[in-house]
Amino acid sequence: MKTLIVFASKYGATAECAKRIAALLPGETVLHRLGEGECPAPEEFDGVICGTSIYMGQPRKEMKRFLKTHAAALQKQPLGLFLCCIQDVNRSVAEQVDVSFPRALREHACVLGVLGGVVEFDRLRGLDRFMMNLISGDLRKKTGASAVNTLSGERIAKFAQTYLQGAQK
């Protein structure tokens, strides 16, 4: 099985999830970070997994472009979709998934996952810092930490397993 994992990551949590998913898949896995060179054609793979981070309630623009450009090809093969985010208290997880991925792709995907997120407050600047303090300030206050990490190894493993089951059908 040859799988393409395409991801859009600003601070690295989505990249980390992509690497961890790749390590759980059999066969050849190609990781591609959008914005870093030309992406391999999805048609050249047996399946594709796409992941993006969420900022200010929206997925990364480069992921939106990729999904729009390759929507037809992605609907012809096994597809996994995942988000990395800290829960926005003003939105449900389902709403964040709906905003991030086109309906046709969500309905086609064999797995959809929200794998958690990481916020390292000391690395944030400007608007990112302001927005993250609004969104995850309660988590920061509760933990007293300079970073909040809600990535879940269990959710990552379950995502990879569900993808494999769907890809084998």
Protein backbone atom coordinates (compact mmCIF):
# COMPACT_ATOMS: atom_id res chain seq x y z
CA MET A 1 0.00 0.00 0.00
CA LYS A 2 1.35 3.41 -0.99
CA THR A 3 -0.09 6.32 1.01
CA LEU A 4 0.34 10.07 0.62
CA ILE A 5 -0.01 12.16 3.76
CA VAL A 6 -0.49 15.83 2.89
CA PHE A 7 -0.54 18.33 5.72
CA ALA A 8 -0.55 22.04 6.49
CA SER A 9 1.11 23.02 9.76
CA LYS A 10 2.13 26.38 11.17
CA TYR A 11 3.82 25.55 14.47
CA GLY A 12 4.43 21.80 14.05
CA ALA A 13 1.63 19.87 15.80
CA THR A 14 0.04 18.78 12.53
CA ALA A 15 3.44 17.76 11.18
CA GLU A 16 3.99 15.68 14.32
CA CYS A 17 0.62 13.95 13.88
CA ALA A 18 1.37 13.26 10.20
CA LYS A 19 4.69 11.63 11.16
CA ARG A 20 3.05 9.55 13.89
CA ILE A 21 0.30 8.37 11.52
CA ALA A 22 2.91 7.49 8.87
CA ALA A 23 4.78 5.35 11.40
CA LEU A 24 1.61 3.31 11.97
CA LEU A 25 0.86 2.57 8.31
CA PRO A 26 2.26 -0.40 6.40
CA GLY A 27 3.93 -0.04 3.03
CA GLU A 28 5.36 3.12 1.55
CA THR A 29 4.22 6.42 3.04
CA VAL A 30 5.14 9.79 1.56
CA LEU A 31 4.80 12.88 3.76
CA HIS A 32 4.32 16.25 2.10
CA ARG A 33 4.05 19.58 3.91
CA LEU A 34 2.07 22.01 1.77
CA GLY A 35 4.09 25.09 0.91
CA GLU A 36 7.34 23.12 0.67
CA GLY A 37 7.84 22.26 -2.96
CA GLU A 38 5.53 20.54 -5.40
CA CYS A 39 3.10 18.02 -3.98
CA PRO A 40 3.04 14.56 -5.52
CA ALA A 41 -0.13 13.81 -7.50
CA PRO A 42 -2.71 12.00 -5.33
CA GLU A 43 -3.51 9.72 -8.29
CA GLU A 44 -0.08 8.12 -7.91
CA PHE A 45 -1.05 6.65 -4.52
CA ASP A 46 -3.37 3.94 -3.22
CA GLY A 47 -4.79 6.33 -0.64
CA VAL A 48 -4.42 9.84 0.75
CA ILE A 49 -4.59 11.36 4.22
CA CYS A 50 -4.98 15.13 4.59
CA GLY A 51 -4.45 17.05 7.81
CA THR A 52 -4.52 20.69 8.75
CA SER A 53 -4.27 22.90 11.76
CA ILE A 54 -6.96 25.39 12.67
CA TYR A 55 -6.23 29.06 13.32
CA MET A 56 -8.88 31.59 14.21
CA GLY A 57 -11.53 29.00 13.40
CA GLN A 58 -10.28 28.31 9.89
CA PRO A 59 -8.09 25.64 8.27
CA ARG A 60 -4.82 26.62 6.63
CA LYS A 61 -5.35 28.27 3.23
CA GLU A 62 -2.91 25.96 1.50
CA MET A 63 -4.99 22.94 2.57
CA LYS A 64 -8.19 24.55 1.30
CA ARG A 65 -6.49 25.10 -2.09
CA PHE A 66 -5.16 21.54 -2.19
CA LEU A 67 -8.56 20.02 -1.42
CA LYS A 68 -10.29 22.17 -4.03
CA THR A 69 -7.70 21.41 -6.70
CA HIS A 70 -7.65 17.64 -6.09
CA ALA A 71 -11.24 17.00 -4.97
CA ALA A 72 -12.09 14.73 -7.91
CA ALA A 73 -9.00 12.55 -7.45
CA LEU A 74 -9.47 12.36 -3.67
CA GLN A 75 -13.01 11.01 -4.12
CA LYS A 76 -11.71 8.06 -6.16
CA GLN A 77 -9.53 6.52 -3.45
CA PRO A 78 -9.42 5.85 0.28
CA LEU A 79 -9.28 9.17 2.10
CA GLY A 80 -8.56 10.15 5.69
CA LEU A 81 -9.04 13.67 7.02
CA PHE A 82 -7.73 15.04 10.30
CA LEU A 83 -7.53 18.29 12.22
CA CYS A 84 -5.14 19.47 14.86
CA CYS A 85 -6.62 22.10 17.11
CA ILE A 86 -7.25 23.22 20.63
CA GLN A 87 -10.99 23.13 21.16
CA ASP A 88 -12.56 26.50 20.38
CA VAL A 89 -15.07 27.10 23.16
CA ASN A 90 -17.35 28.92 20.71
CA ARG A 91 -17.53 26.03 18.22
CA SER A 92 -18.19 22.33 18.42
CA VAL A 93 -15.66 19.89 17.00
CA ALA A 94 -18.20 18.98 14.31
CA GLU A 95 -18.42 22.63 13.26
CA GLN A 96 -14.63 22.84 13.00
CA VAL A 97 -14.58 19.72 10.81
CA ASP A 98 -17.40 21.12 8.65
CA VAL A 99 -15.53 24.39 8.11
CA SER A 100 -12.26 22.63 7.32
CA PHE A 101 -13.25 20.02 4.75
CA PRO A 102 -15.71 20.17 1.84
CA ARG A 103 -18.89 18.16 2.39
CA ALA A 104 -18.26 15.78 -0.52
CA LEU A 105 -14.84 14.87 0.89
CA ARG A 106 -16.17 14.50 4.45
CA GLU A 107 -18.85 12.12 3.19
CA HIS A 108 -16.34 10.13 1.13
CA ALA A 109 -13.65 9.86 3.82
CA CYS A 110 -13.25 6.50 5.54
CA VAL A 111 -12.09 8.34 8.69
CA LEU A 112 -12.35 11.85 10.11
CA GLY A 113 -10.35 12.72 13.19
CA VAL A 114 -9.62 15.58 15.54
CA LEU A 115 -6.31 14.60 17.08
CA GLY A 116 -5.77 17.44 19.55
CA GLY A 117 -3.35 20.30 19.39
CA VAL A 118 -0.34 21.98 20.87
CA VAL A 119 0.03 25.60 21.90
CA GLU A 120 3.42 26.84 23.04
CA PHE A 121 2.47 30.29 24.27
CA ASP A 122 6.05 31.57 24.31
CA ARG A 123 6.40 30.90 20.56
CA LEU A 124 3.25 32.79 19.58
CA ARG A 125 3.37 36.34 18.28
CA GLY A 126 0.87 39.09 17.58
CA LEU A 127 -2.60 38.02 16.58
CA ASP A 128 -1.80 34.32 17.12
CA ARG A 129 -0.93 35.02 20.76
CA PHE A 130 -4.08 37.11 21.29
CA MET A 131 -6.40 34.53 19.71
CA MET A 132 -4.86 31.55 21.50
CA ASN A 133 -5.18 33.31 24.83
CA LEU A 134 -8.89 33.75 24.09
CA ILE A 135 -9.42 30.20 22.87
CA SER A 136 -7.25 28.22 25.26
CA GLY A 137 -6.67 30.62 28.13
CA ASP A 138 -8.69 28.43 30.49
CA LEU A 139 -6.46 25.44 29.72
CA ARG A 140 -3.39 27.55 30.37
CA LYS A 141 -4.78 28.80 33.68
CA LYS A 142 -5.76 25.29 34.78
CA THR A 143 -2.35 23.80 34.00
CA GLY A 144 -0.21 26.82 34.85
CA ALA A 145 2.04 25.75 31.99
CA SER A 146 3.63 27.73 29.18
CA ALA A 147 2.39 25.07 26.77
CA VAL A 148 -0.82 23.14 26.32
CA ASN A 149 -0.60 19.78 24.58
CA THR A 150 -3.81 17.87 23.93
CA LEU A 151 -2.41 15.55 21.23
CA SER A 152 -3.68 12.07 21.85
CA GLY A 153 -1.61 9.05 20.94
CA GLU A 154 -4.75 6.97 21.38
CA ARG A 155 -6.72 9.09 18.89
CA ILE A 156 -3.80 9.03 16.44
CA ALA A 157 -3.57 5.22 16.64
CA LYS A 158 -7.35 4.85 16.27
CA PHE A 159 -7.32 7.21 13.26
CA ALA A 160 -4.57 5.16 11.55
CA GLN A 161 -6.35 1.87 12.30
CA THR A 162 -9.70 3.12 11.01
CA TYR A 163 -8.01 4.47 7.87
CA LEU A 164 -6.40 1.08 7.23
CA GLN A 165 -9.72 -0.72 7.67
CA GLY A 166 -11.41 1.68 5.25
CA ALA A 167 -8.59 1.47 2.73
CA GLN A 168 -8.84 -2.31 2.61
CA LYS A 169 -12.51 -2.30 1.61
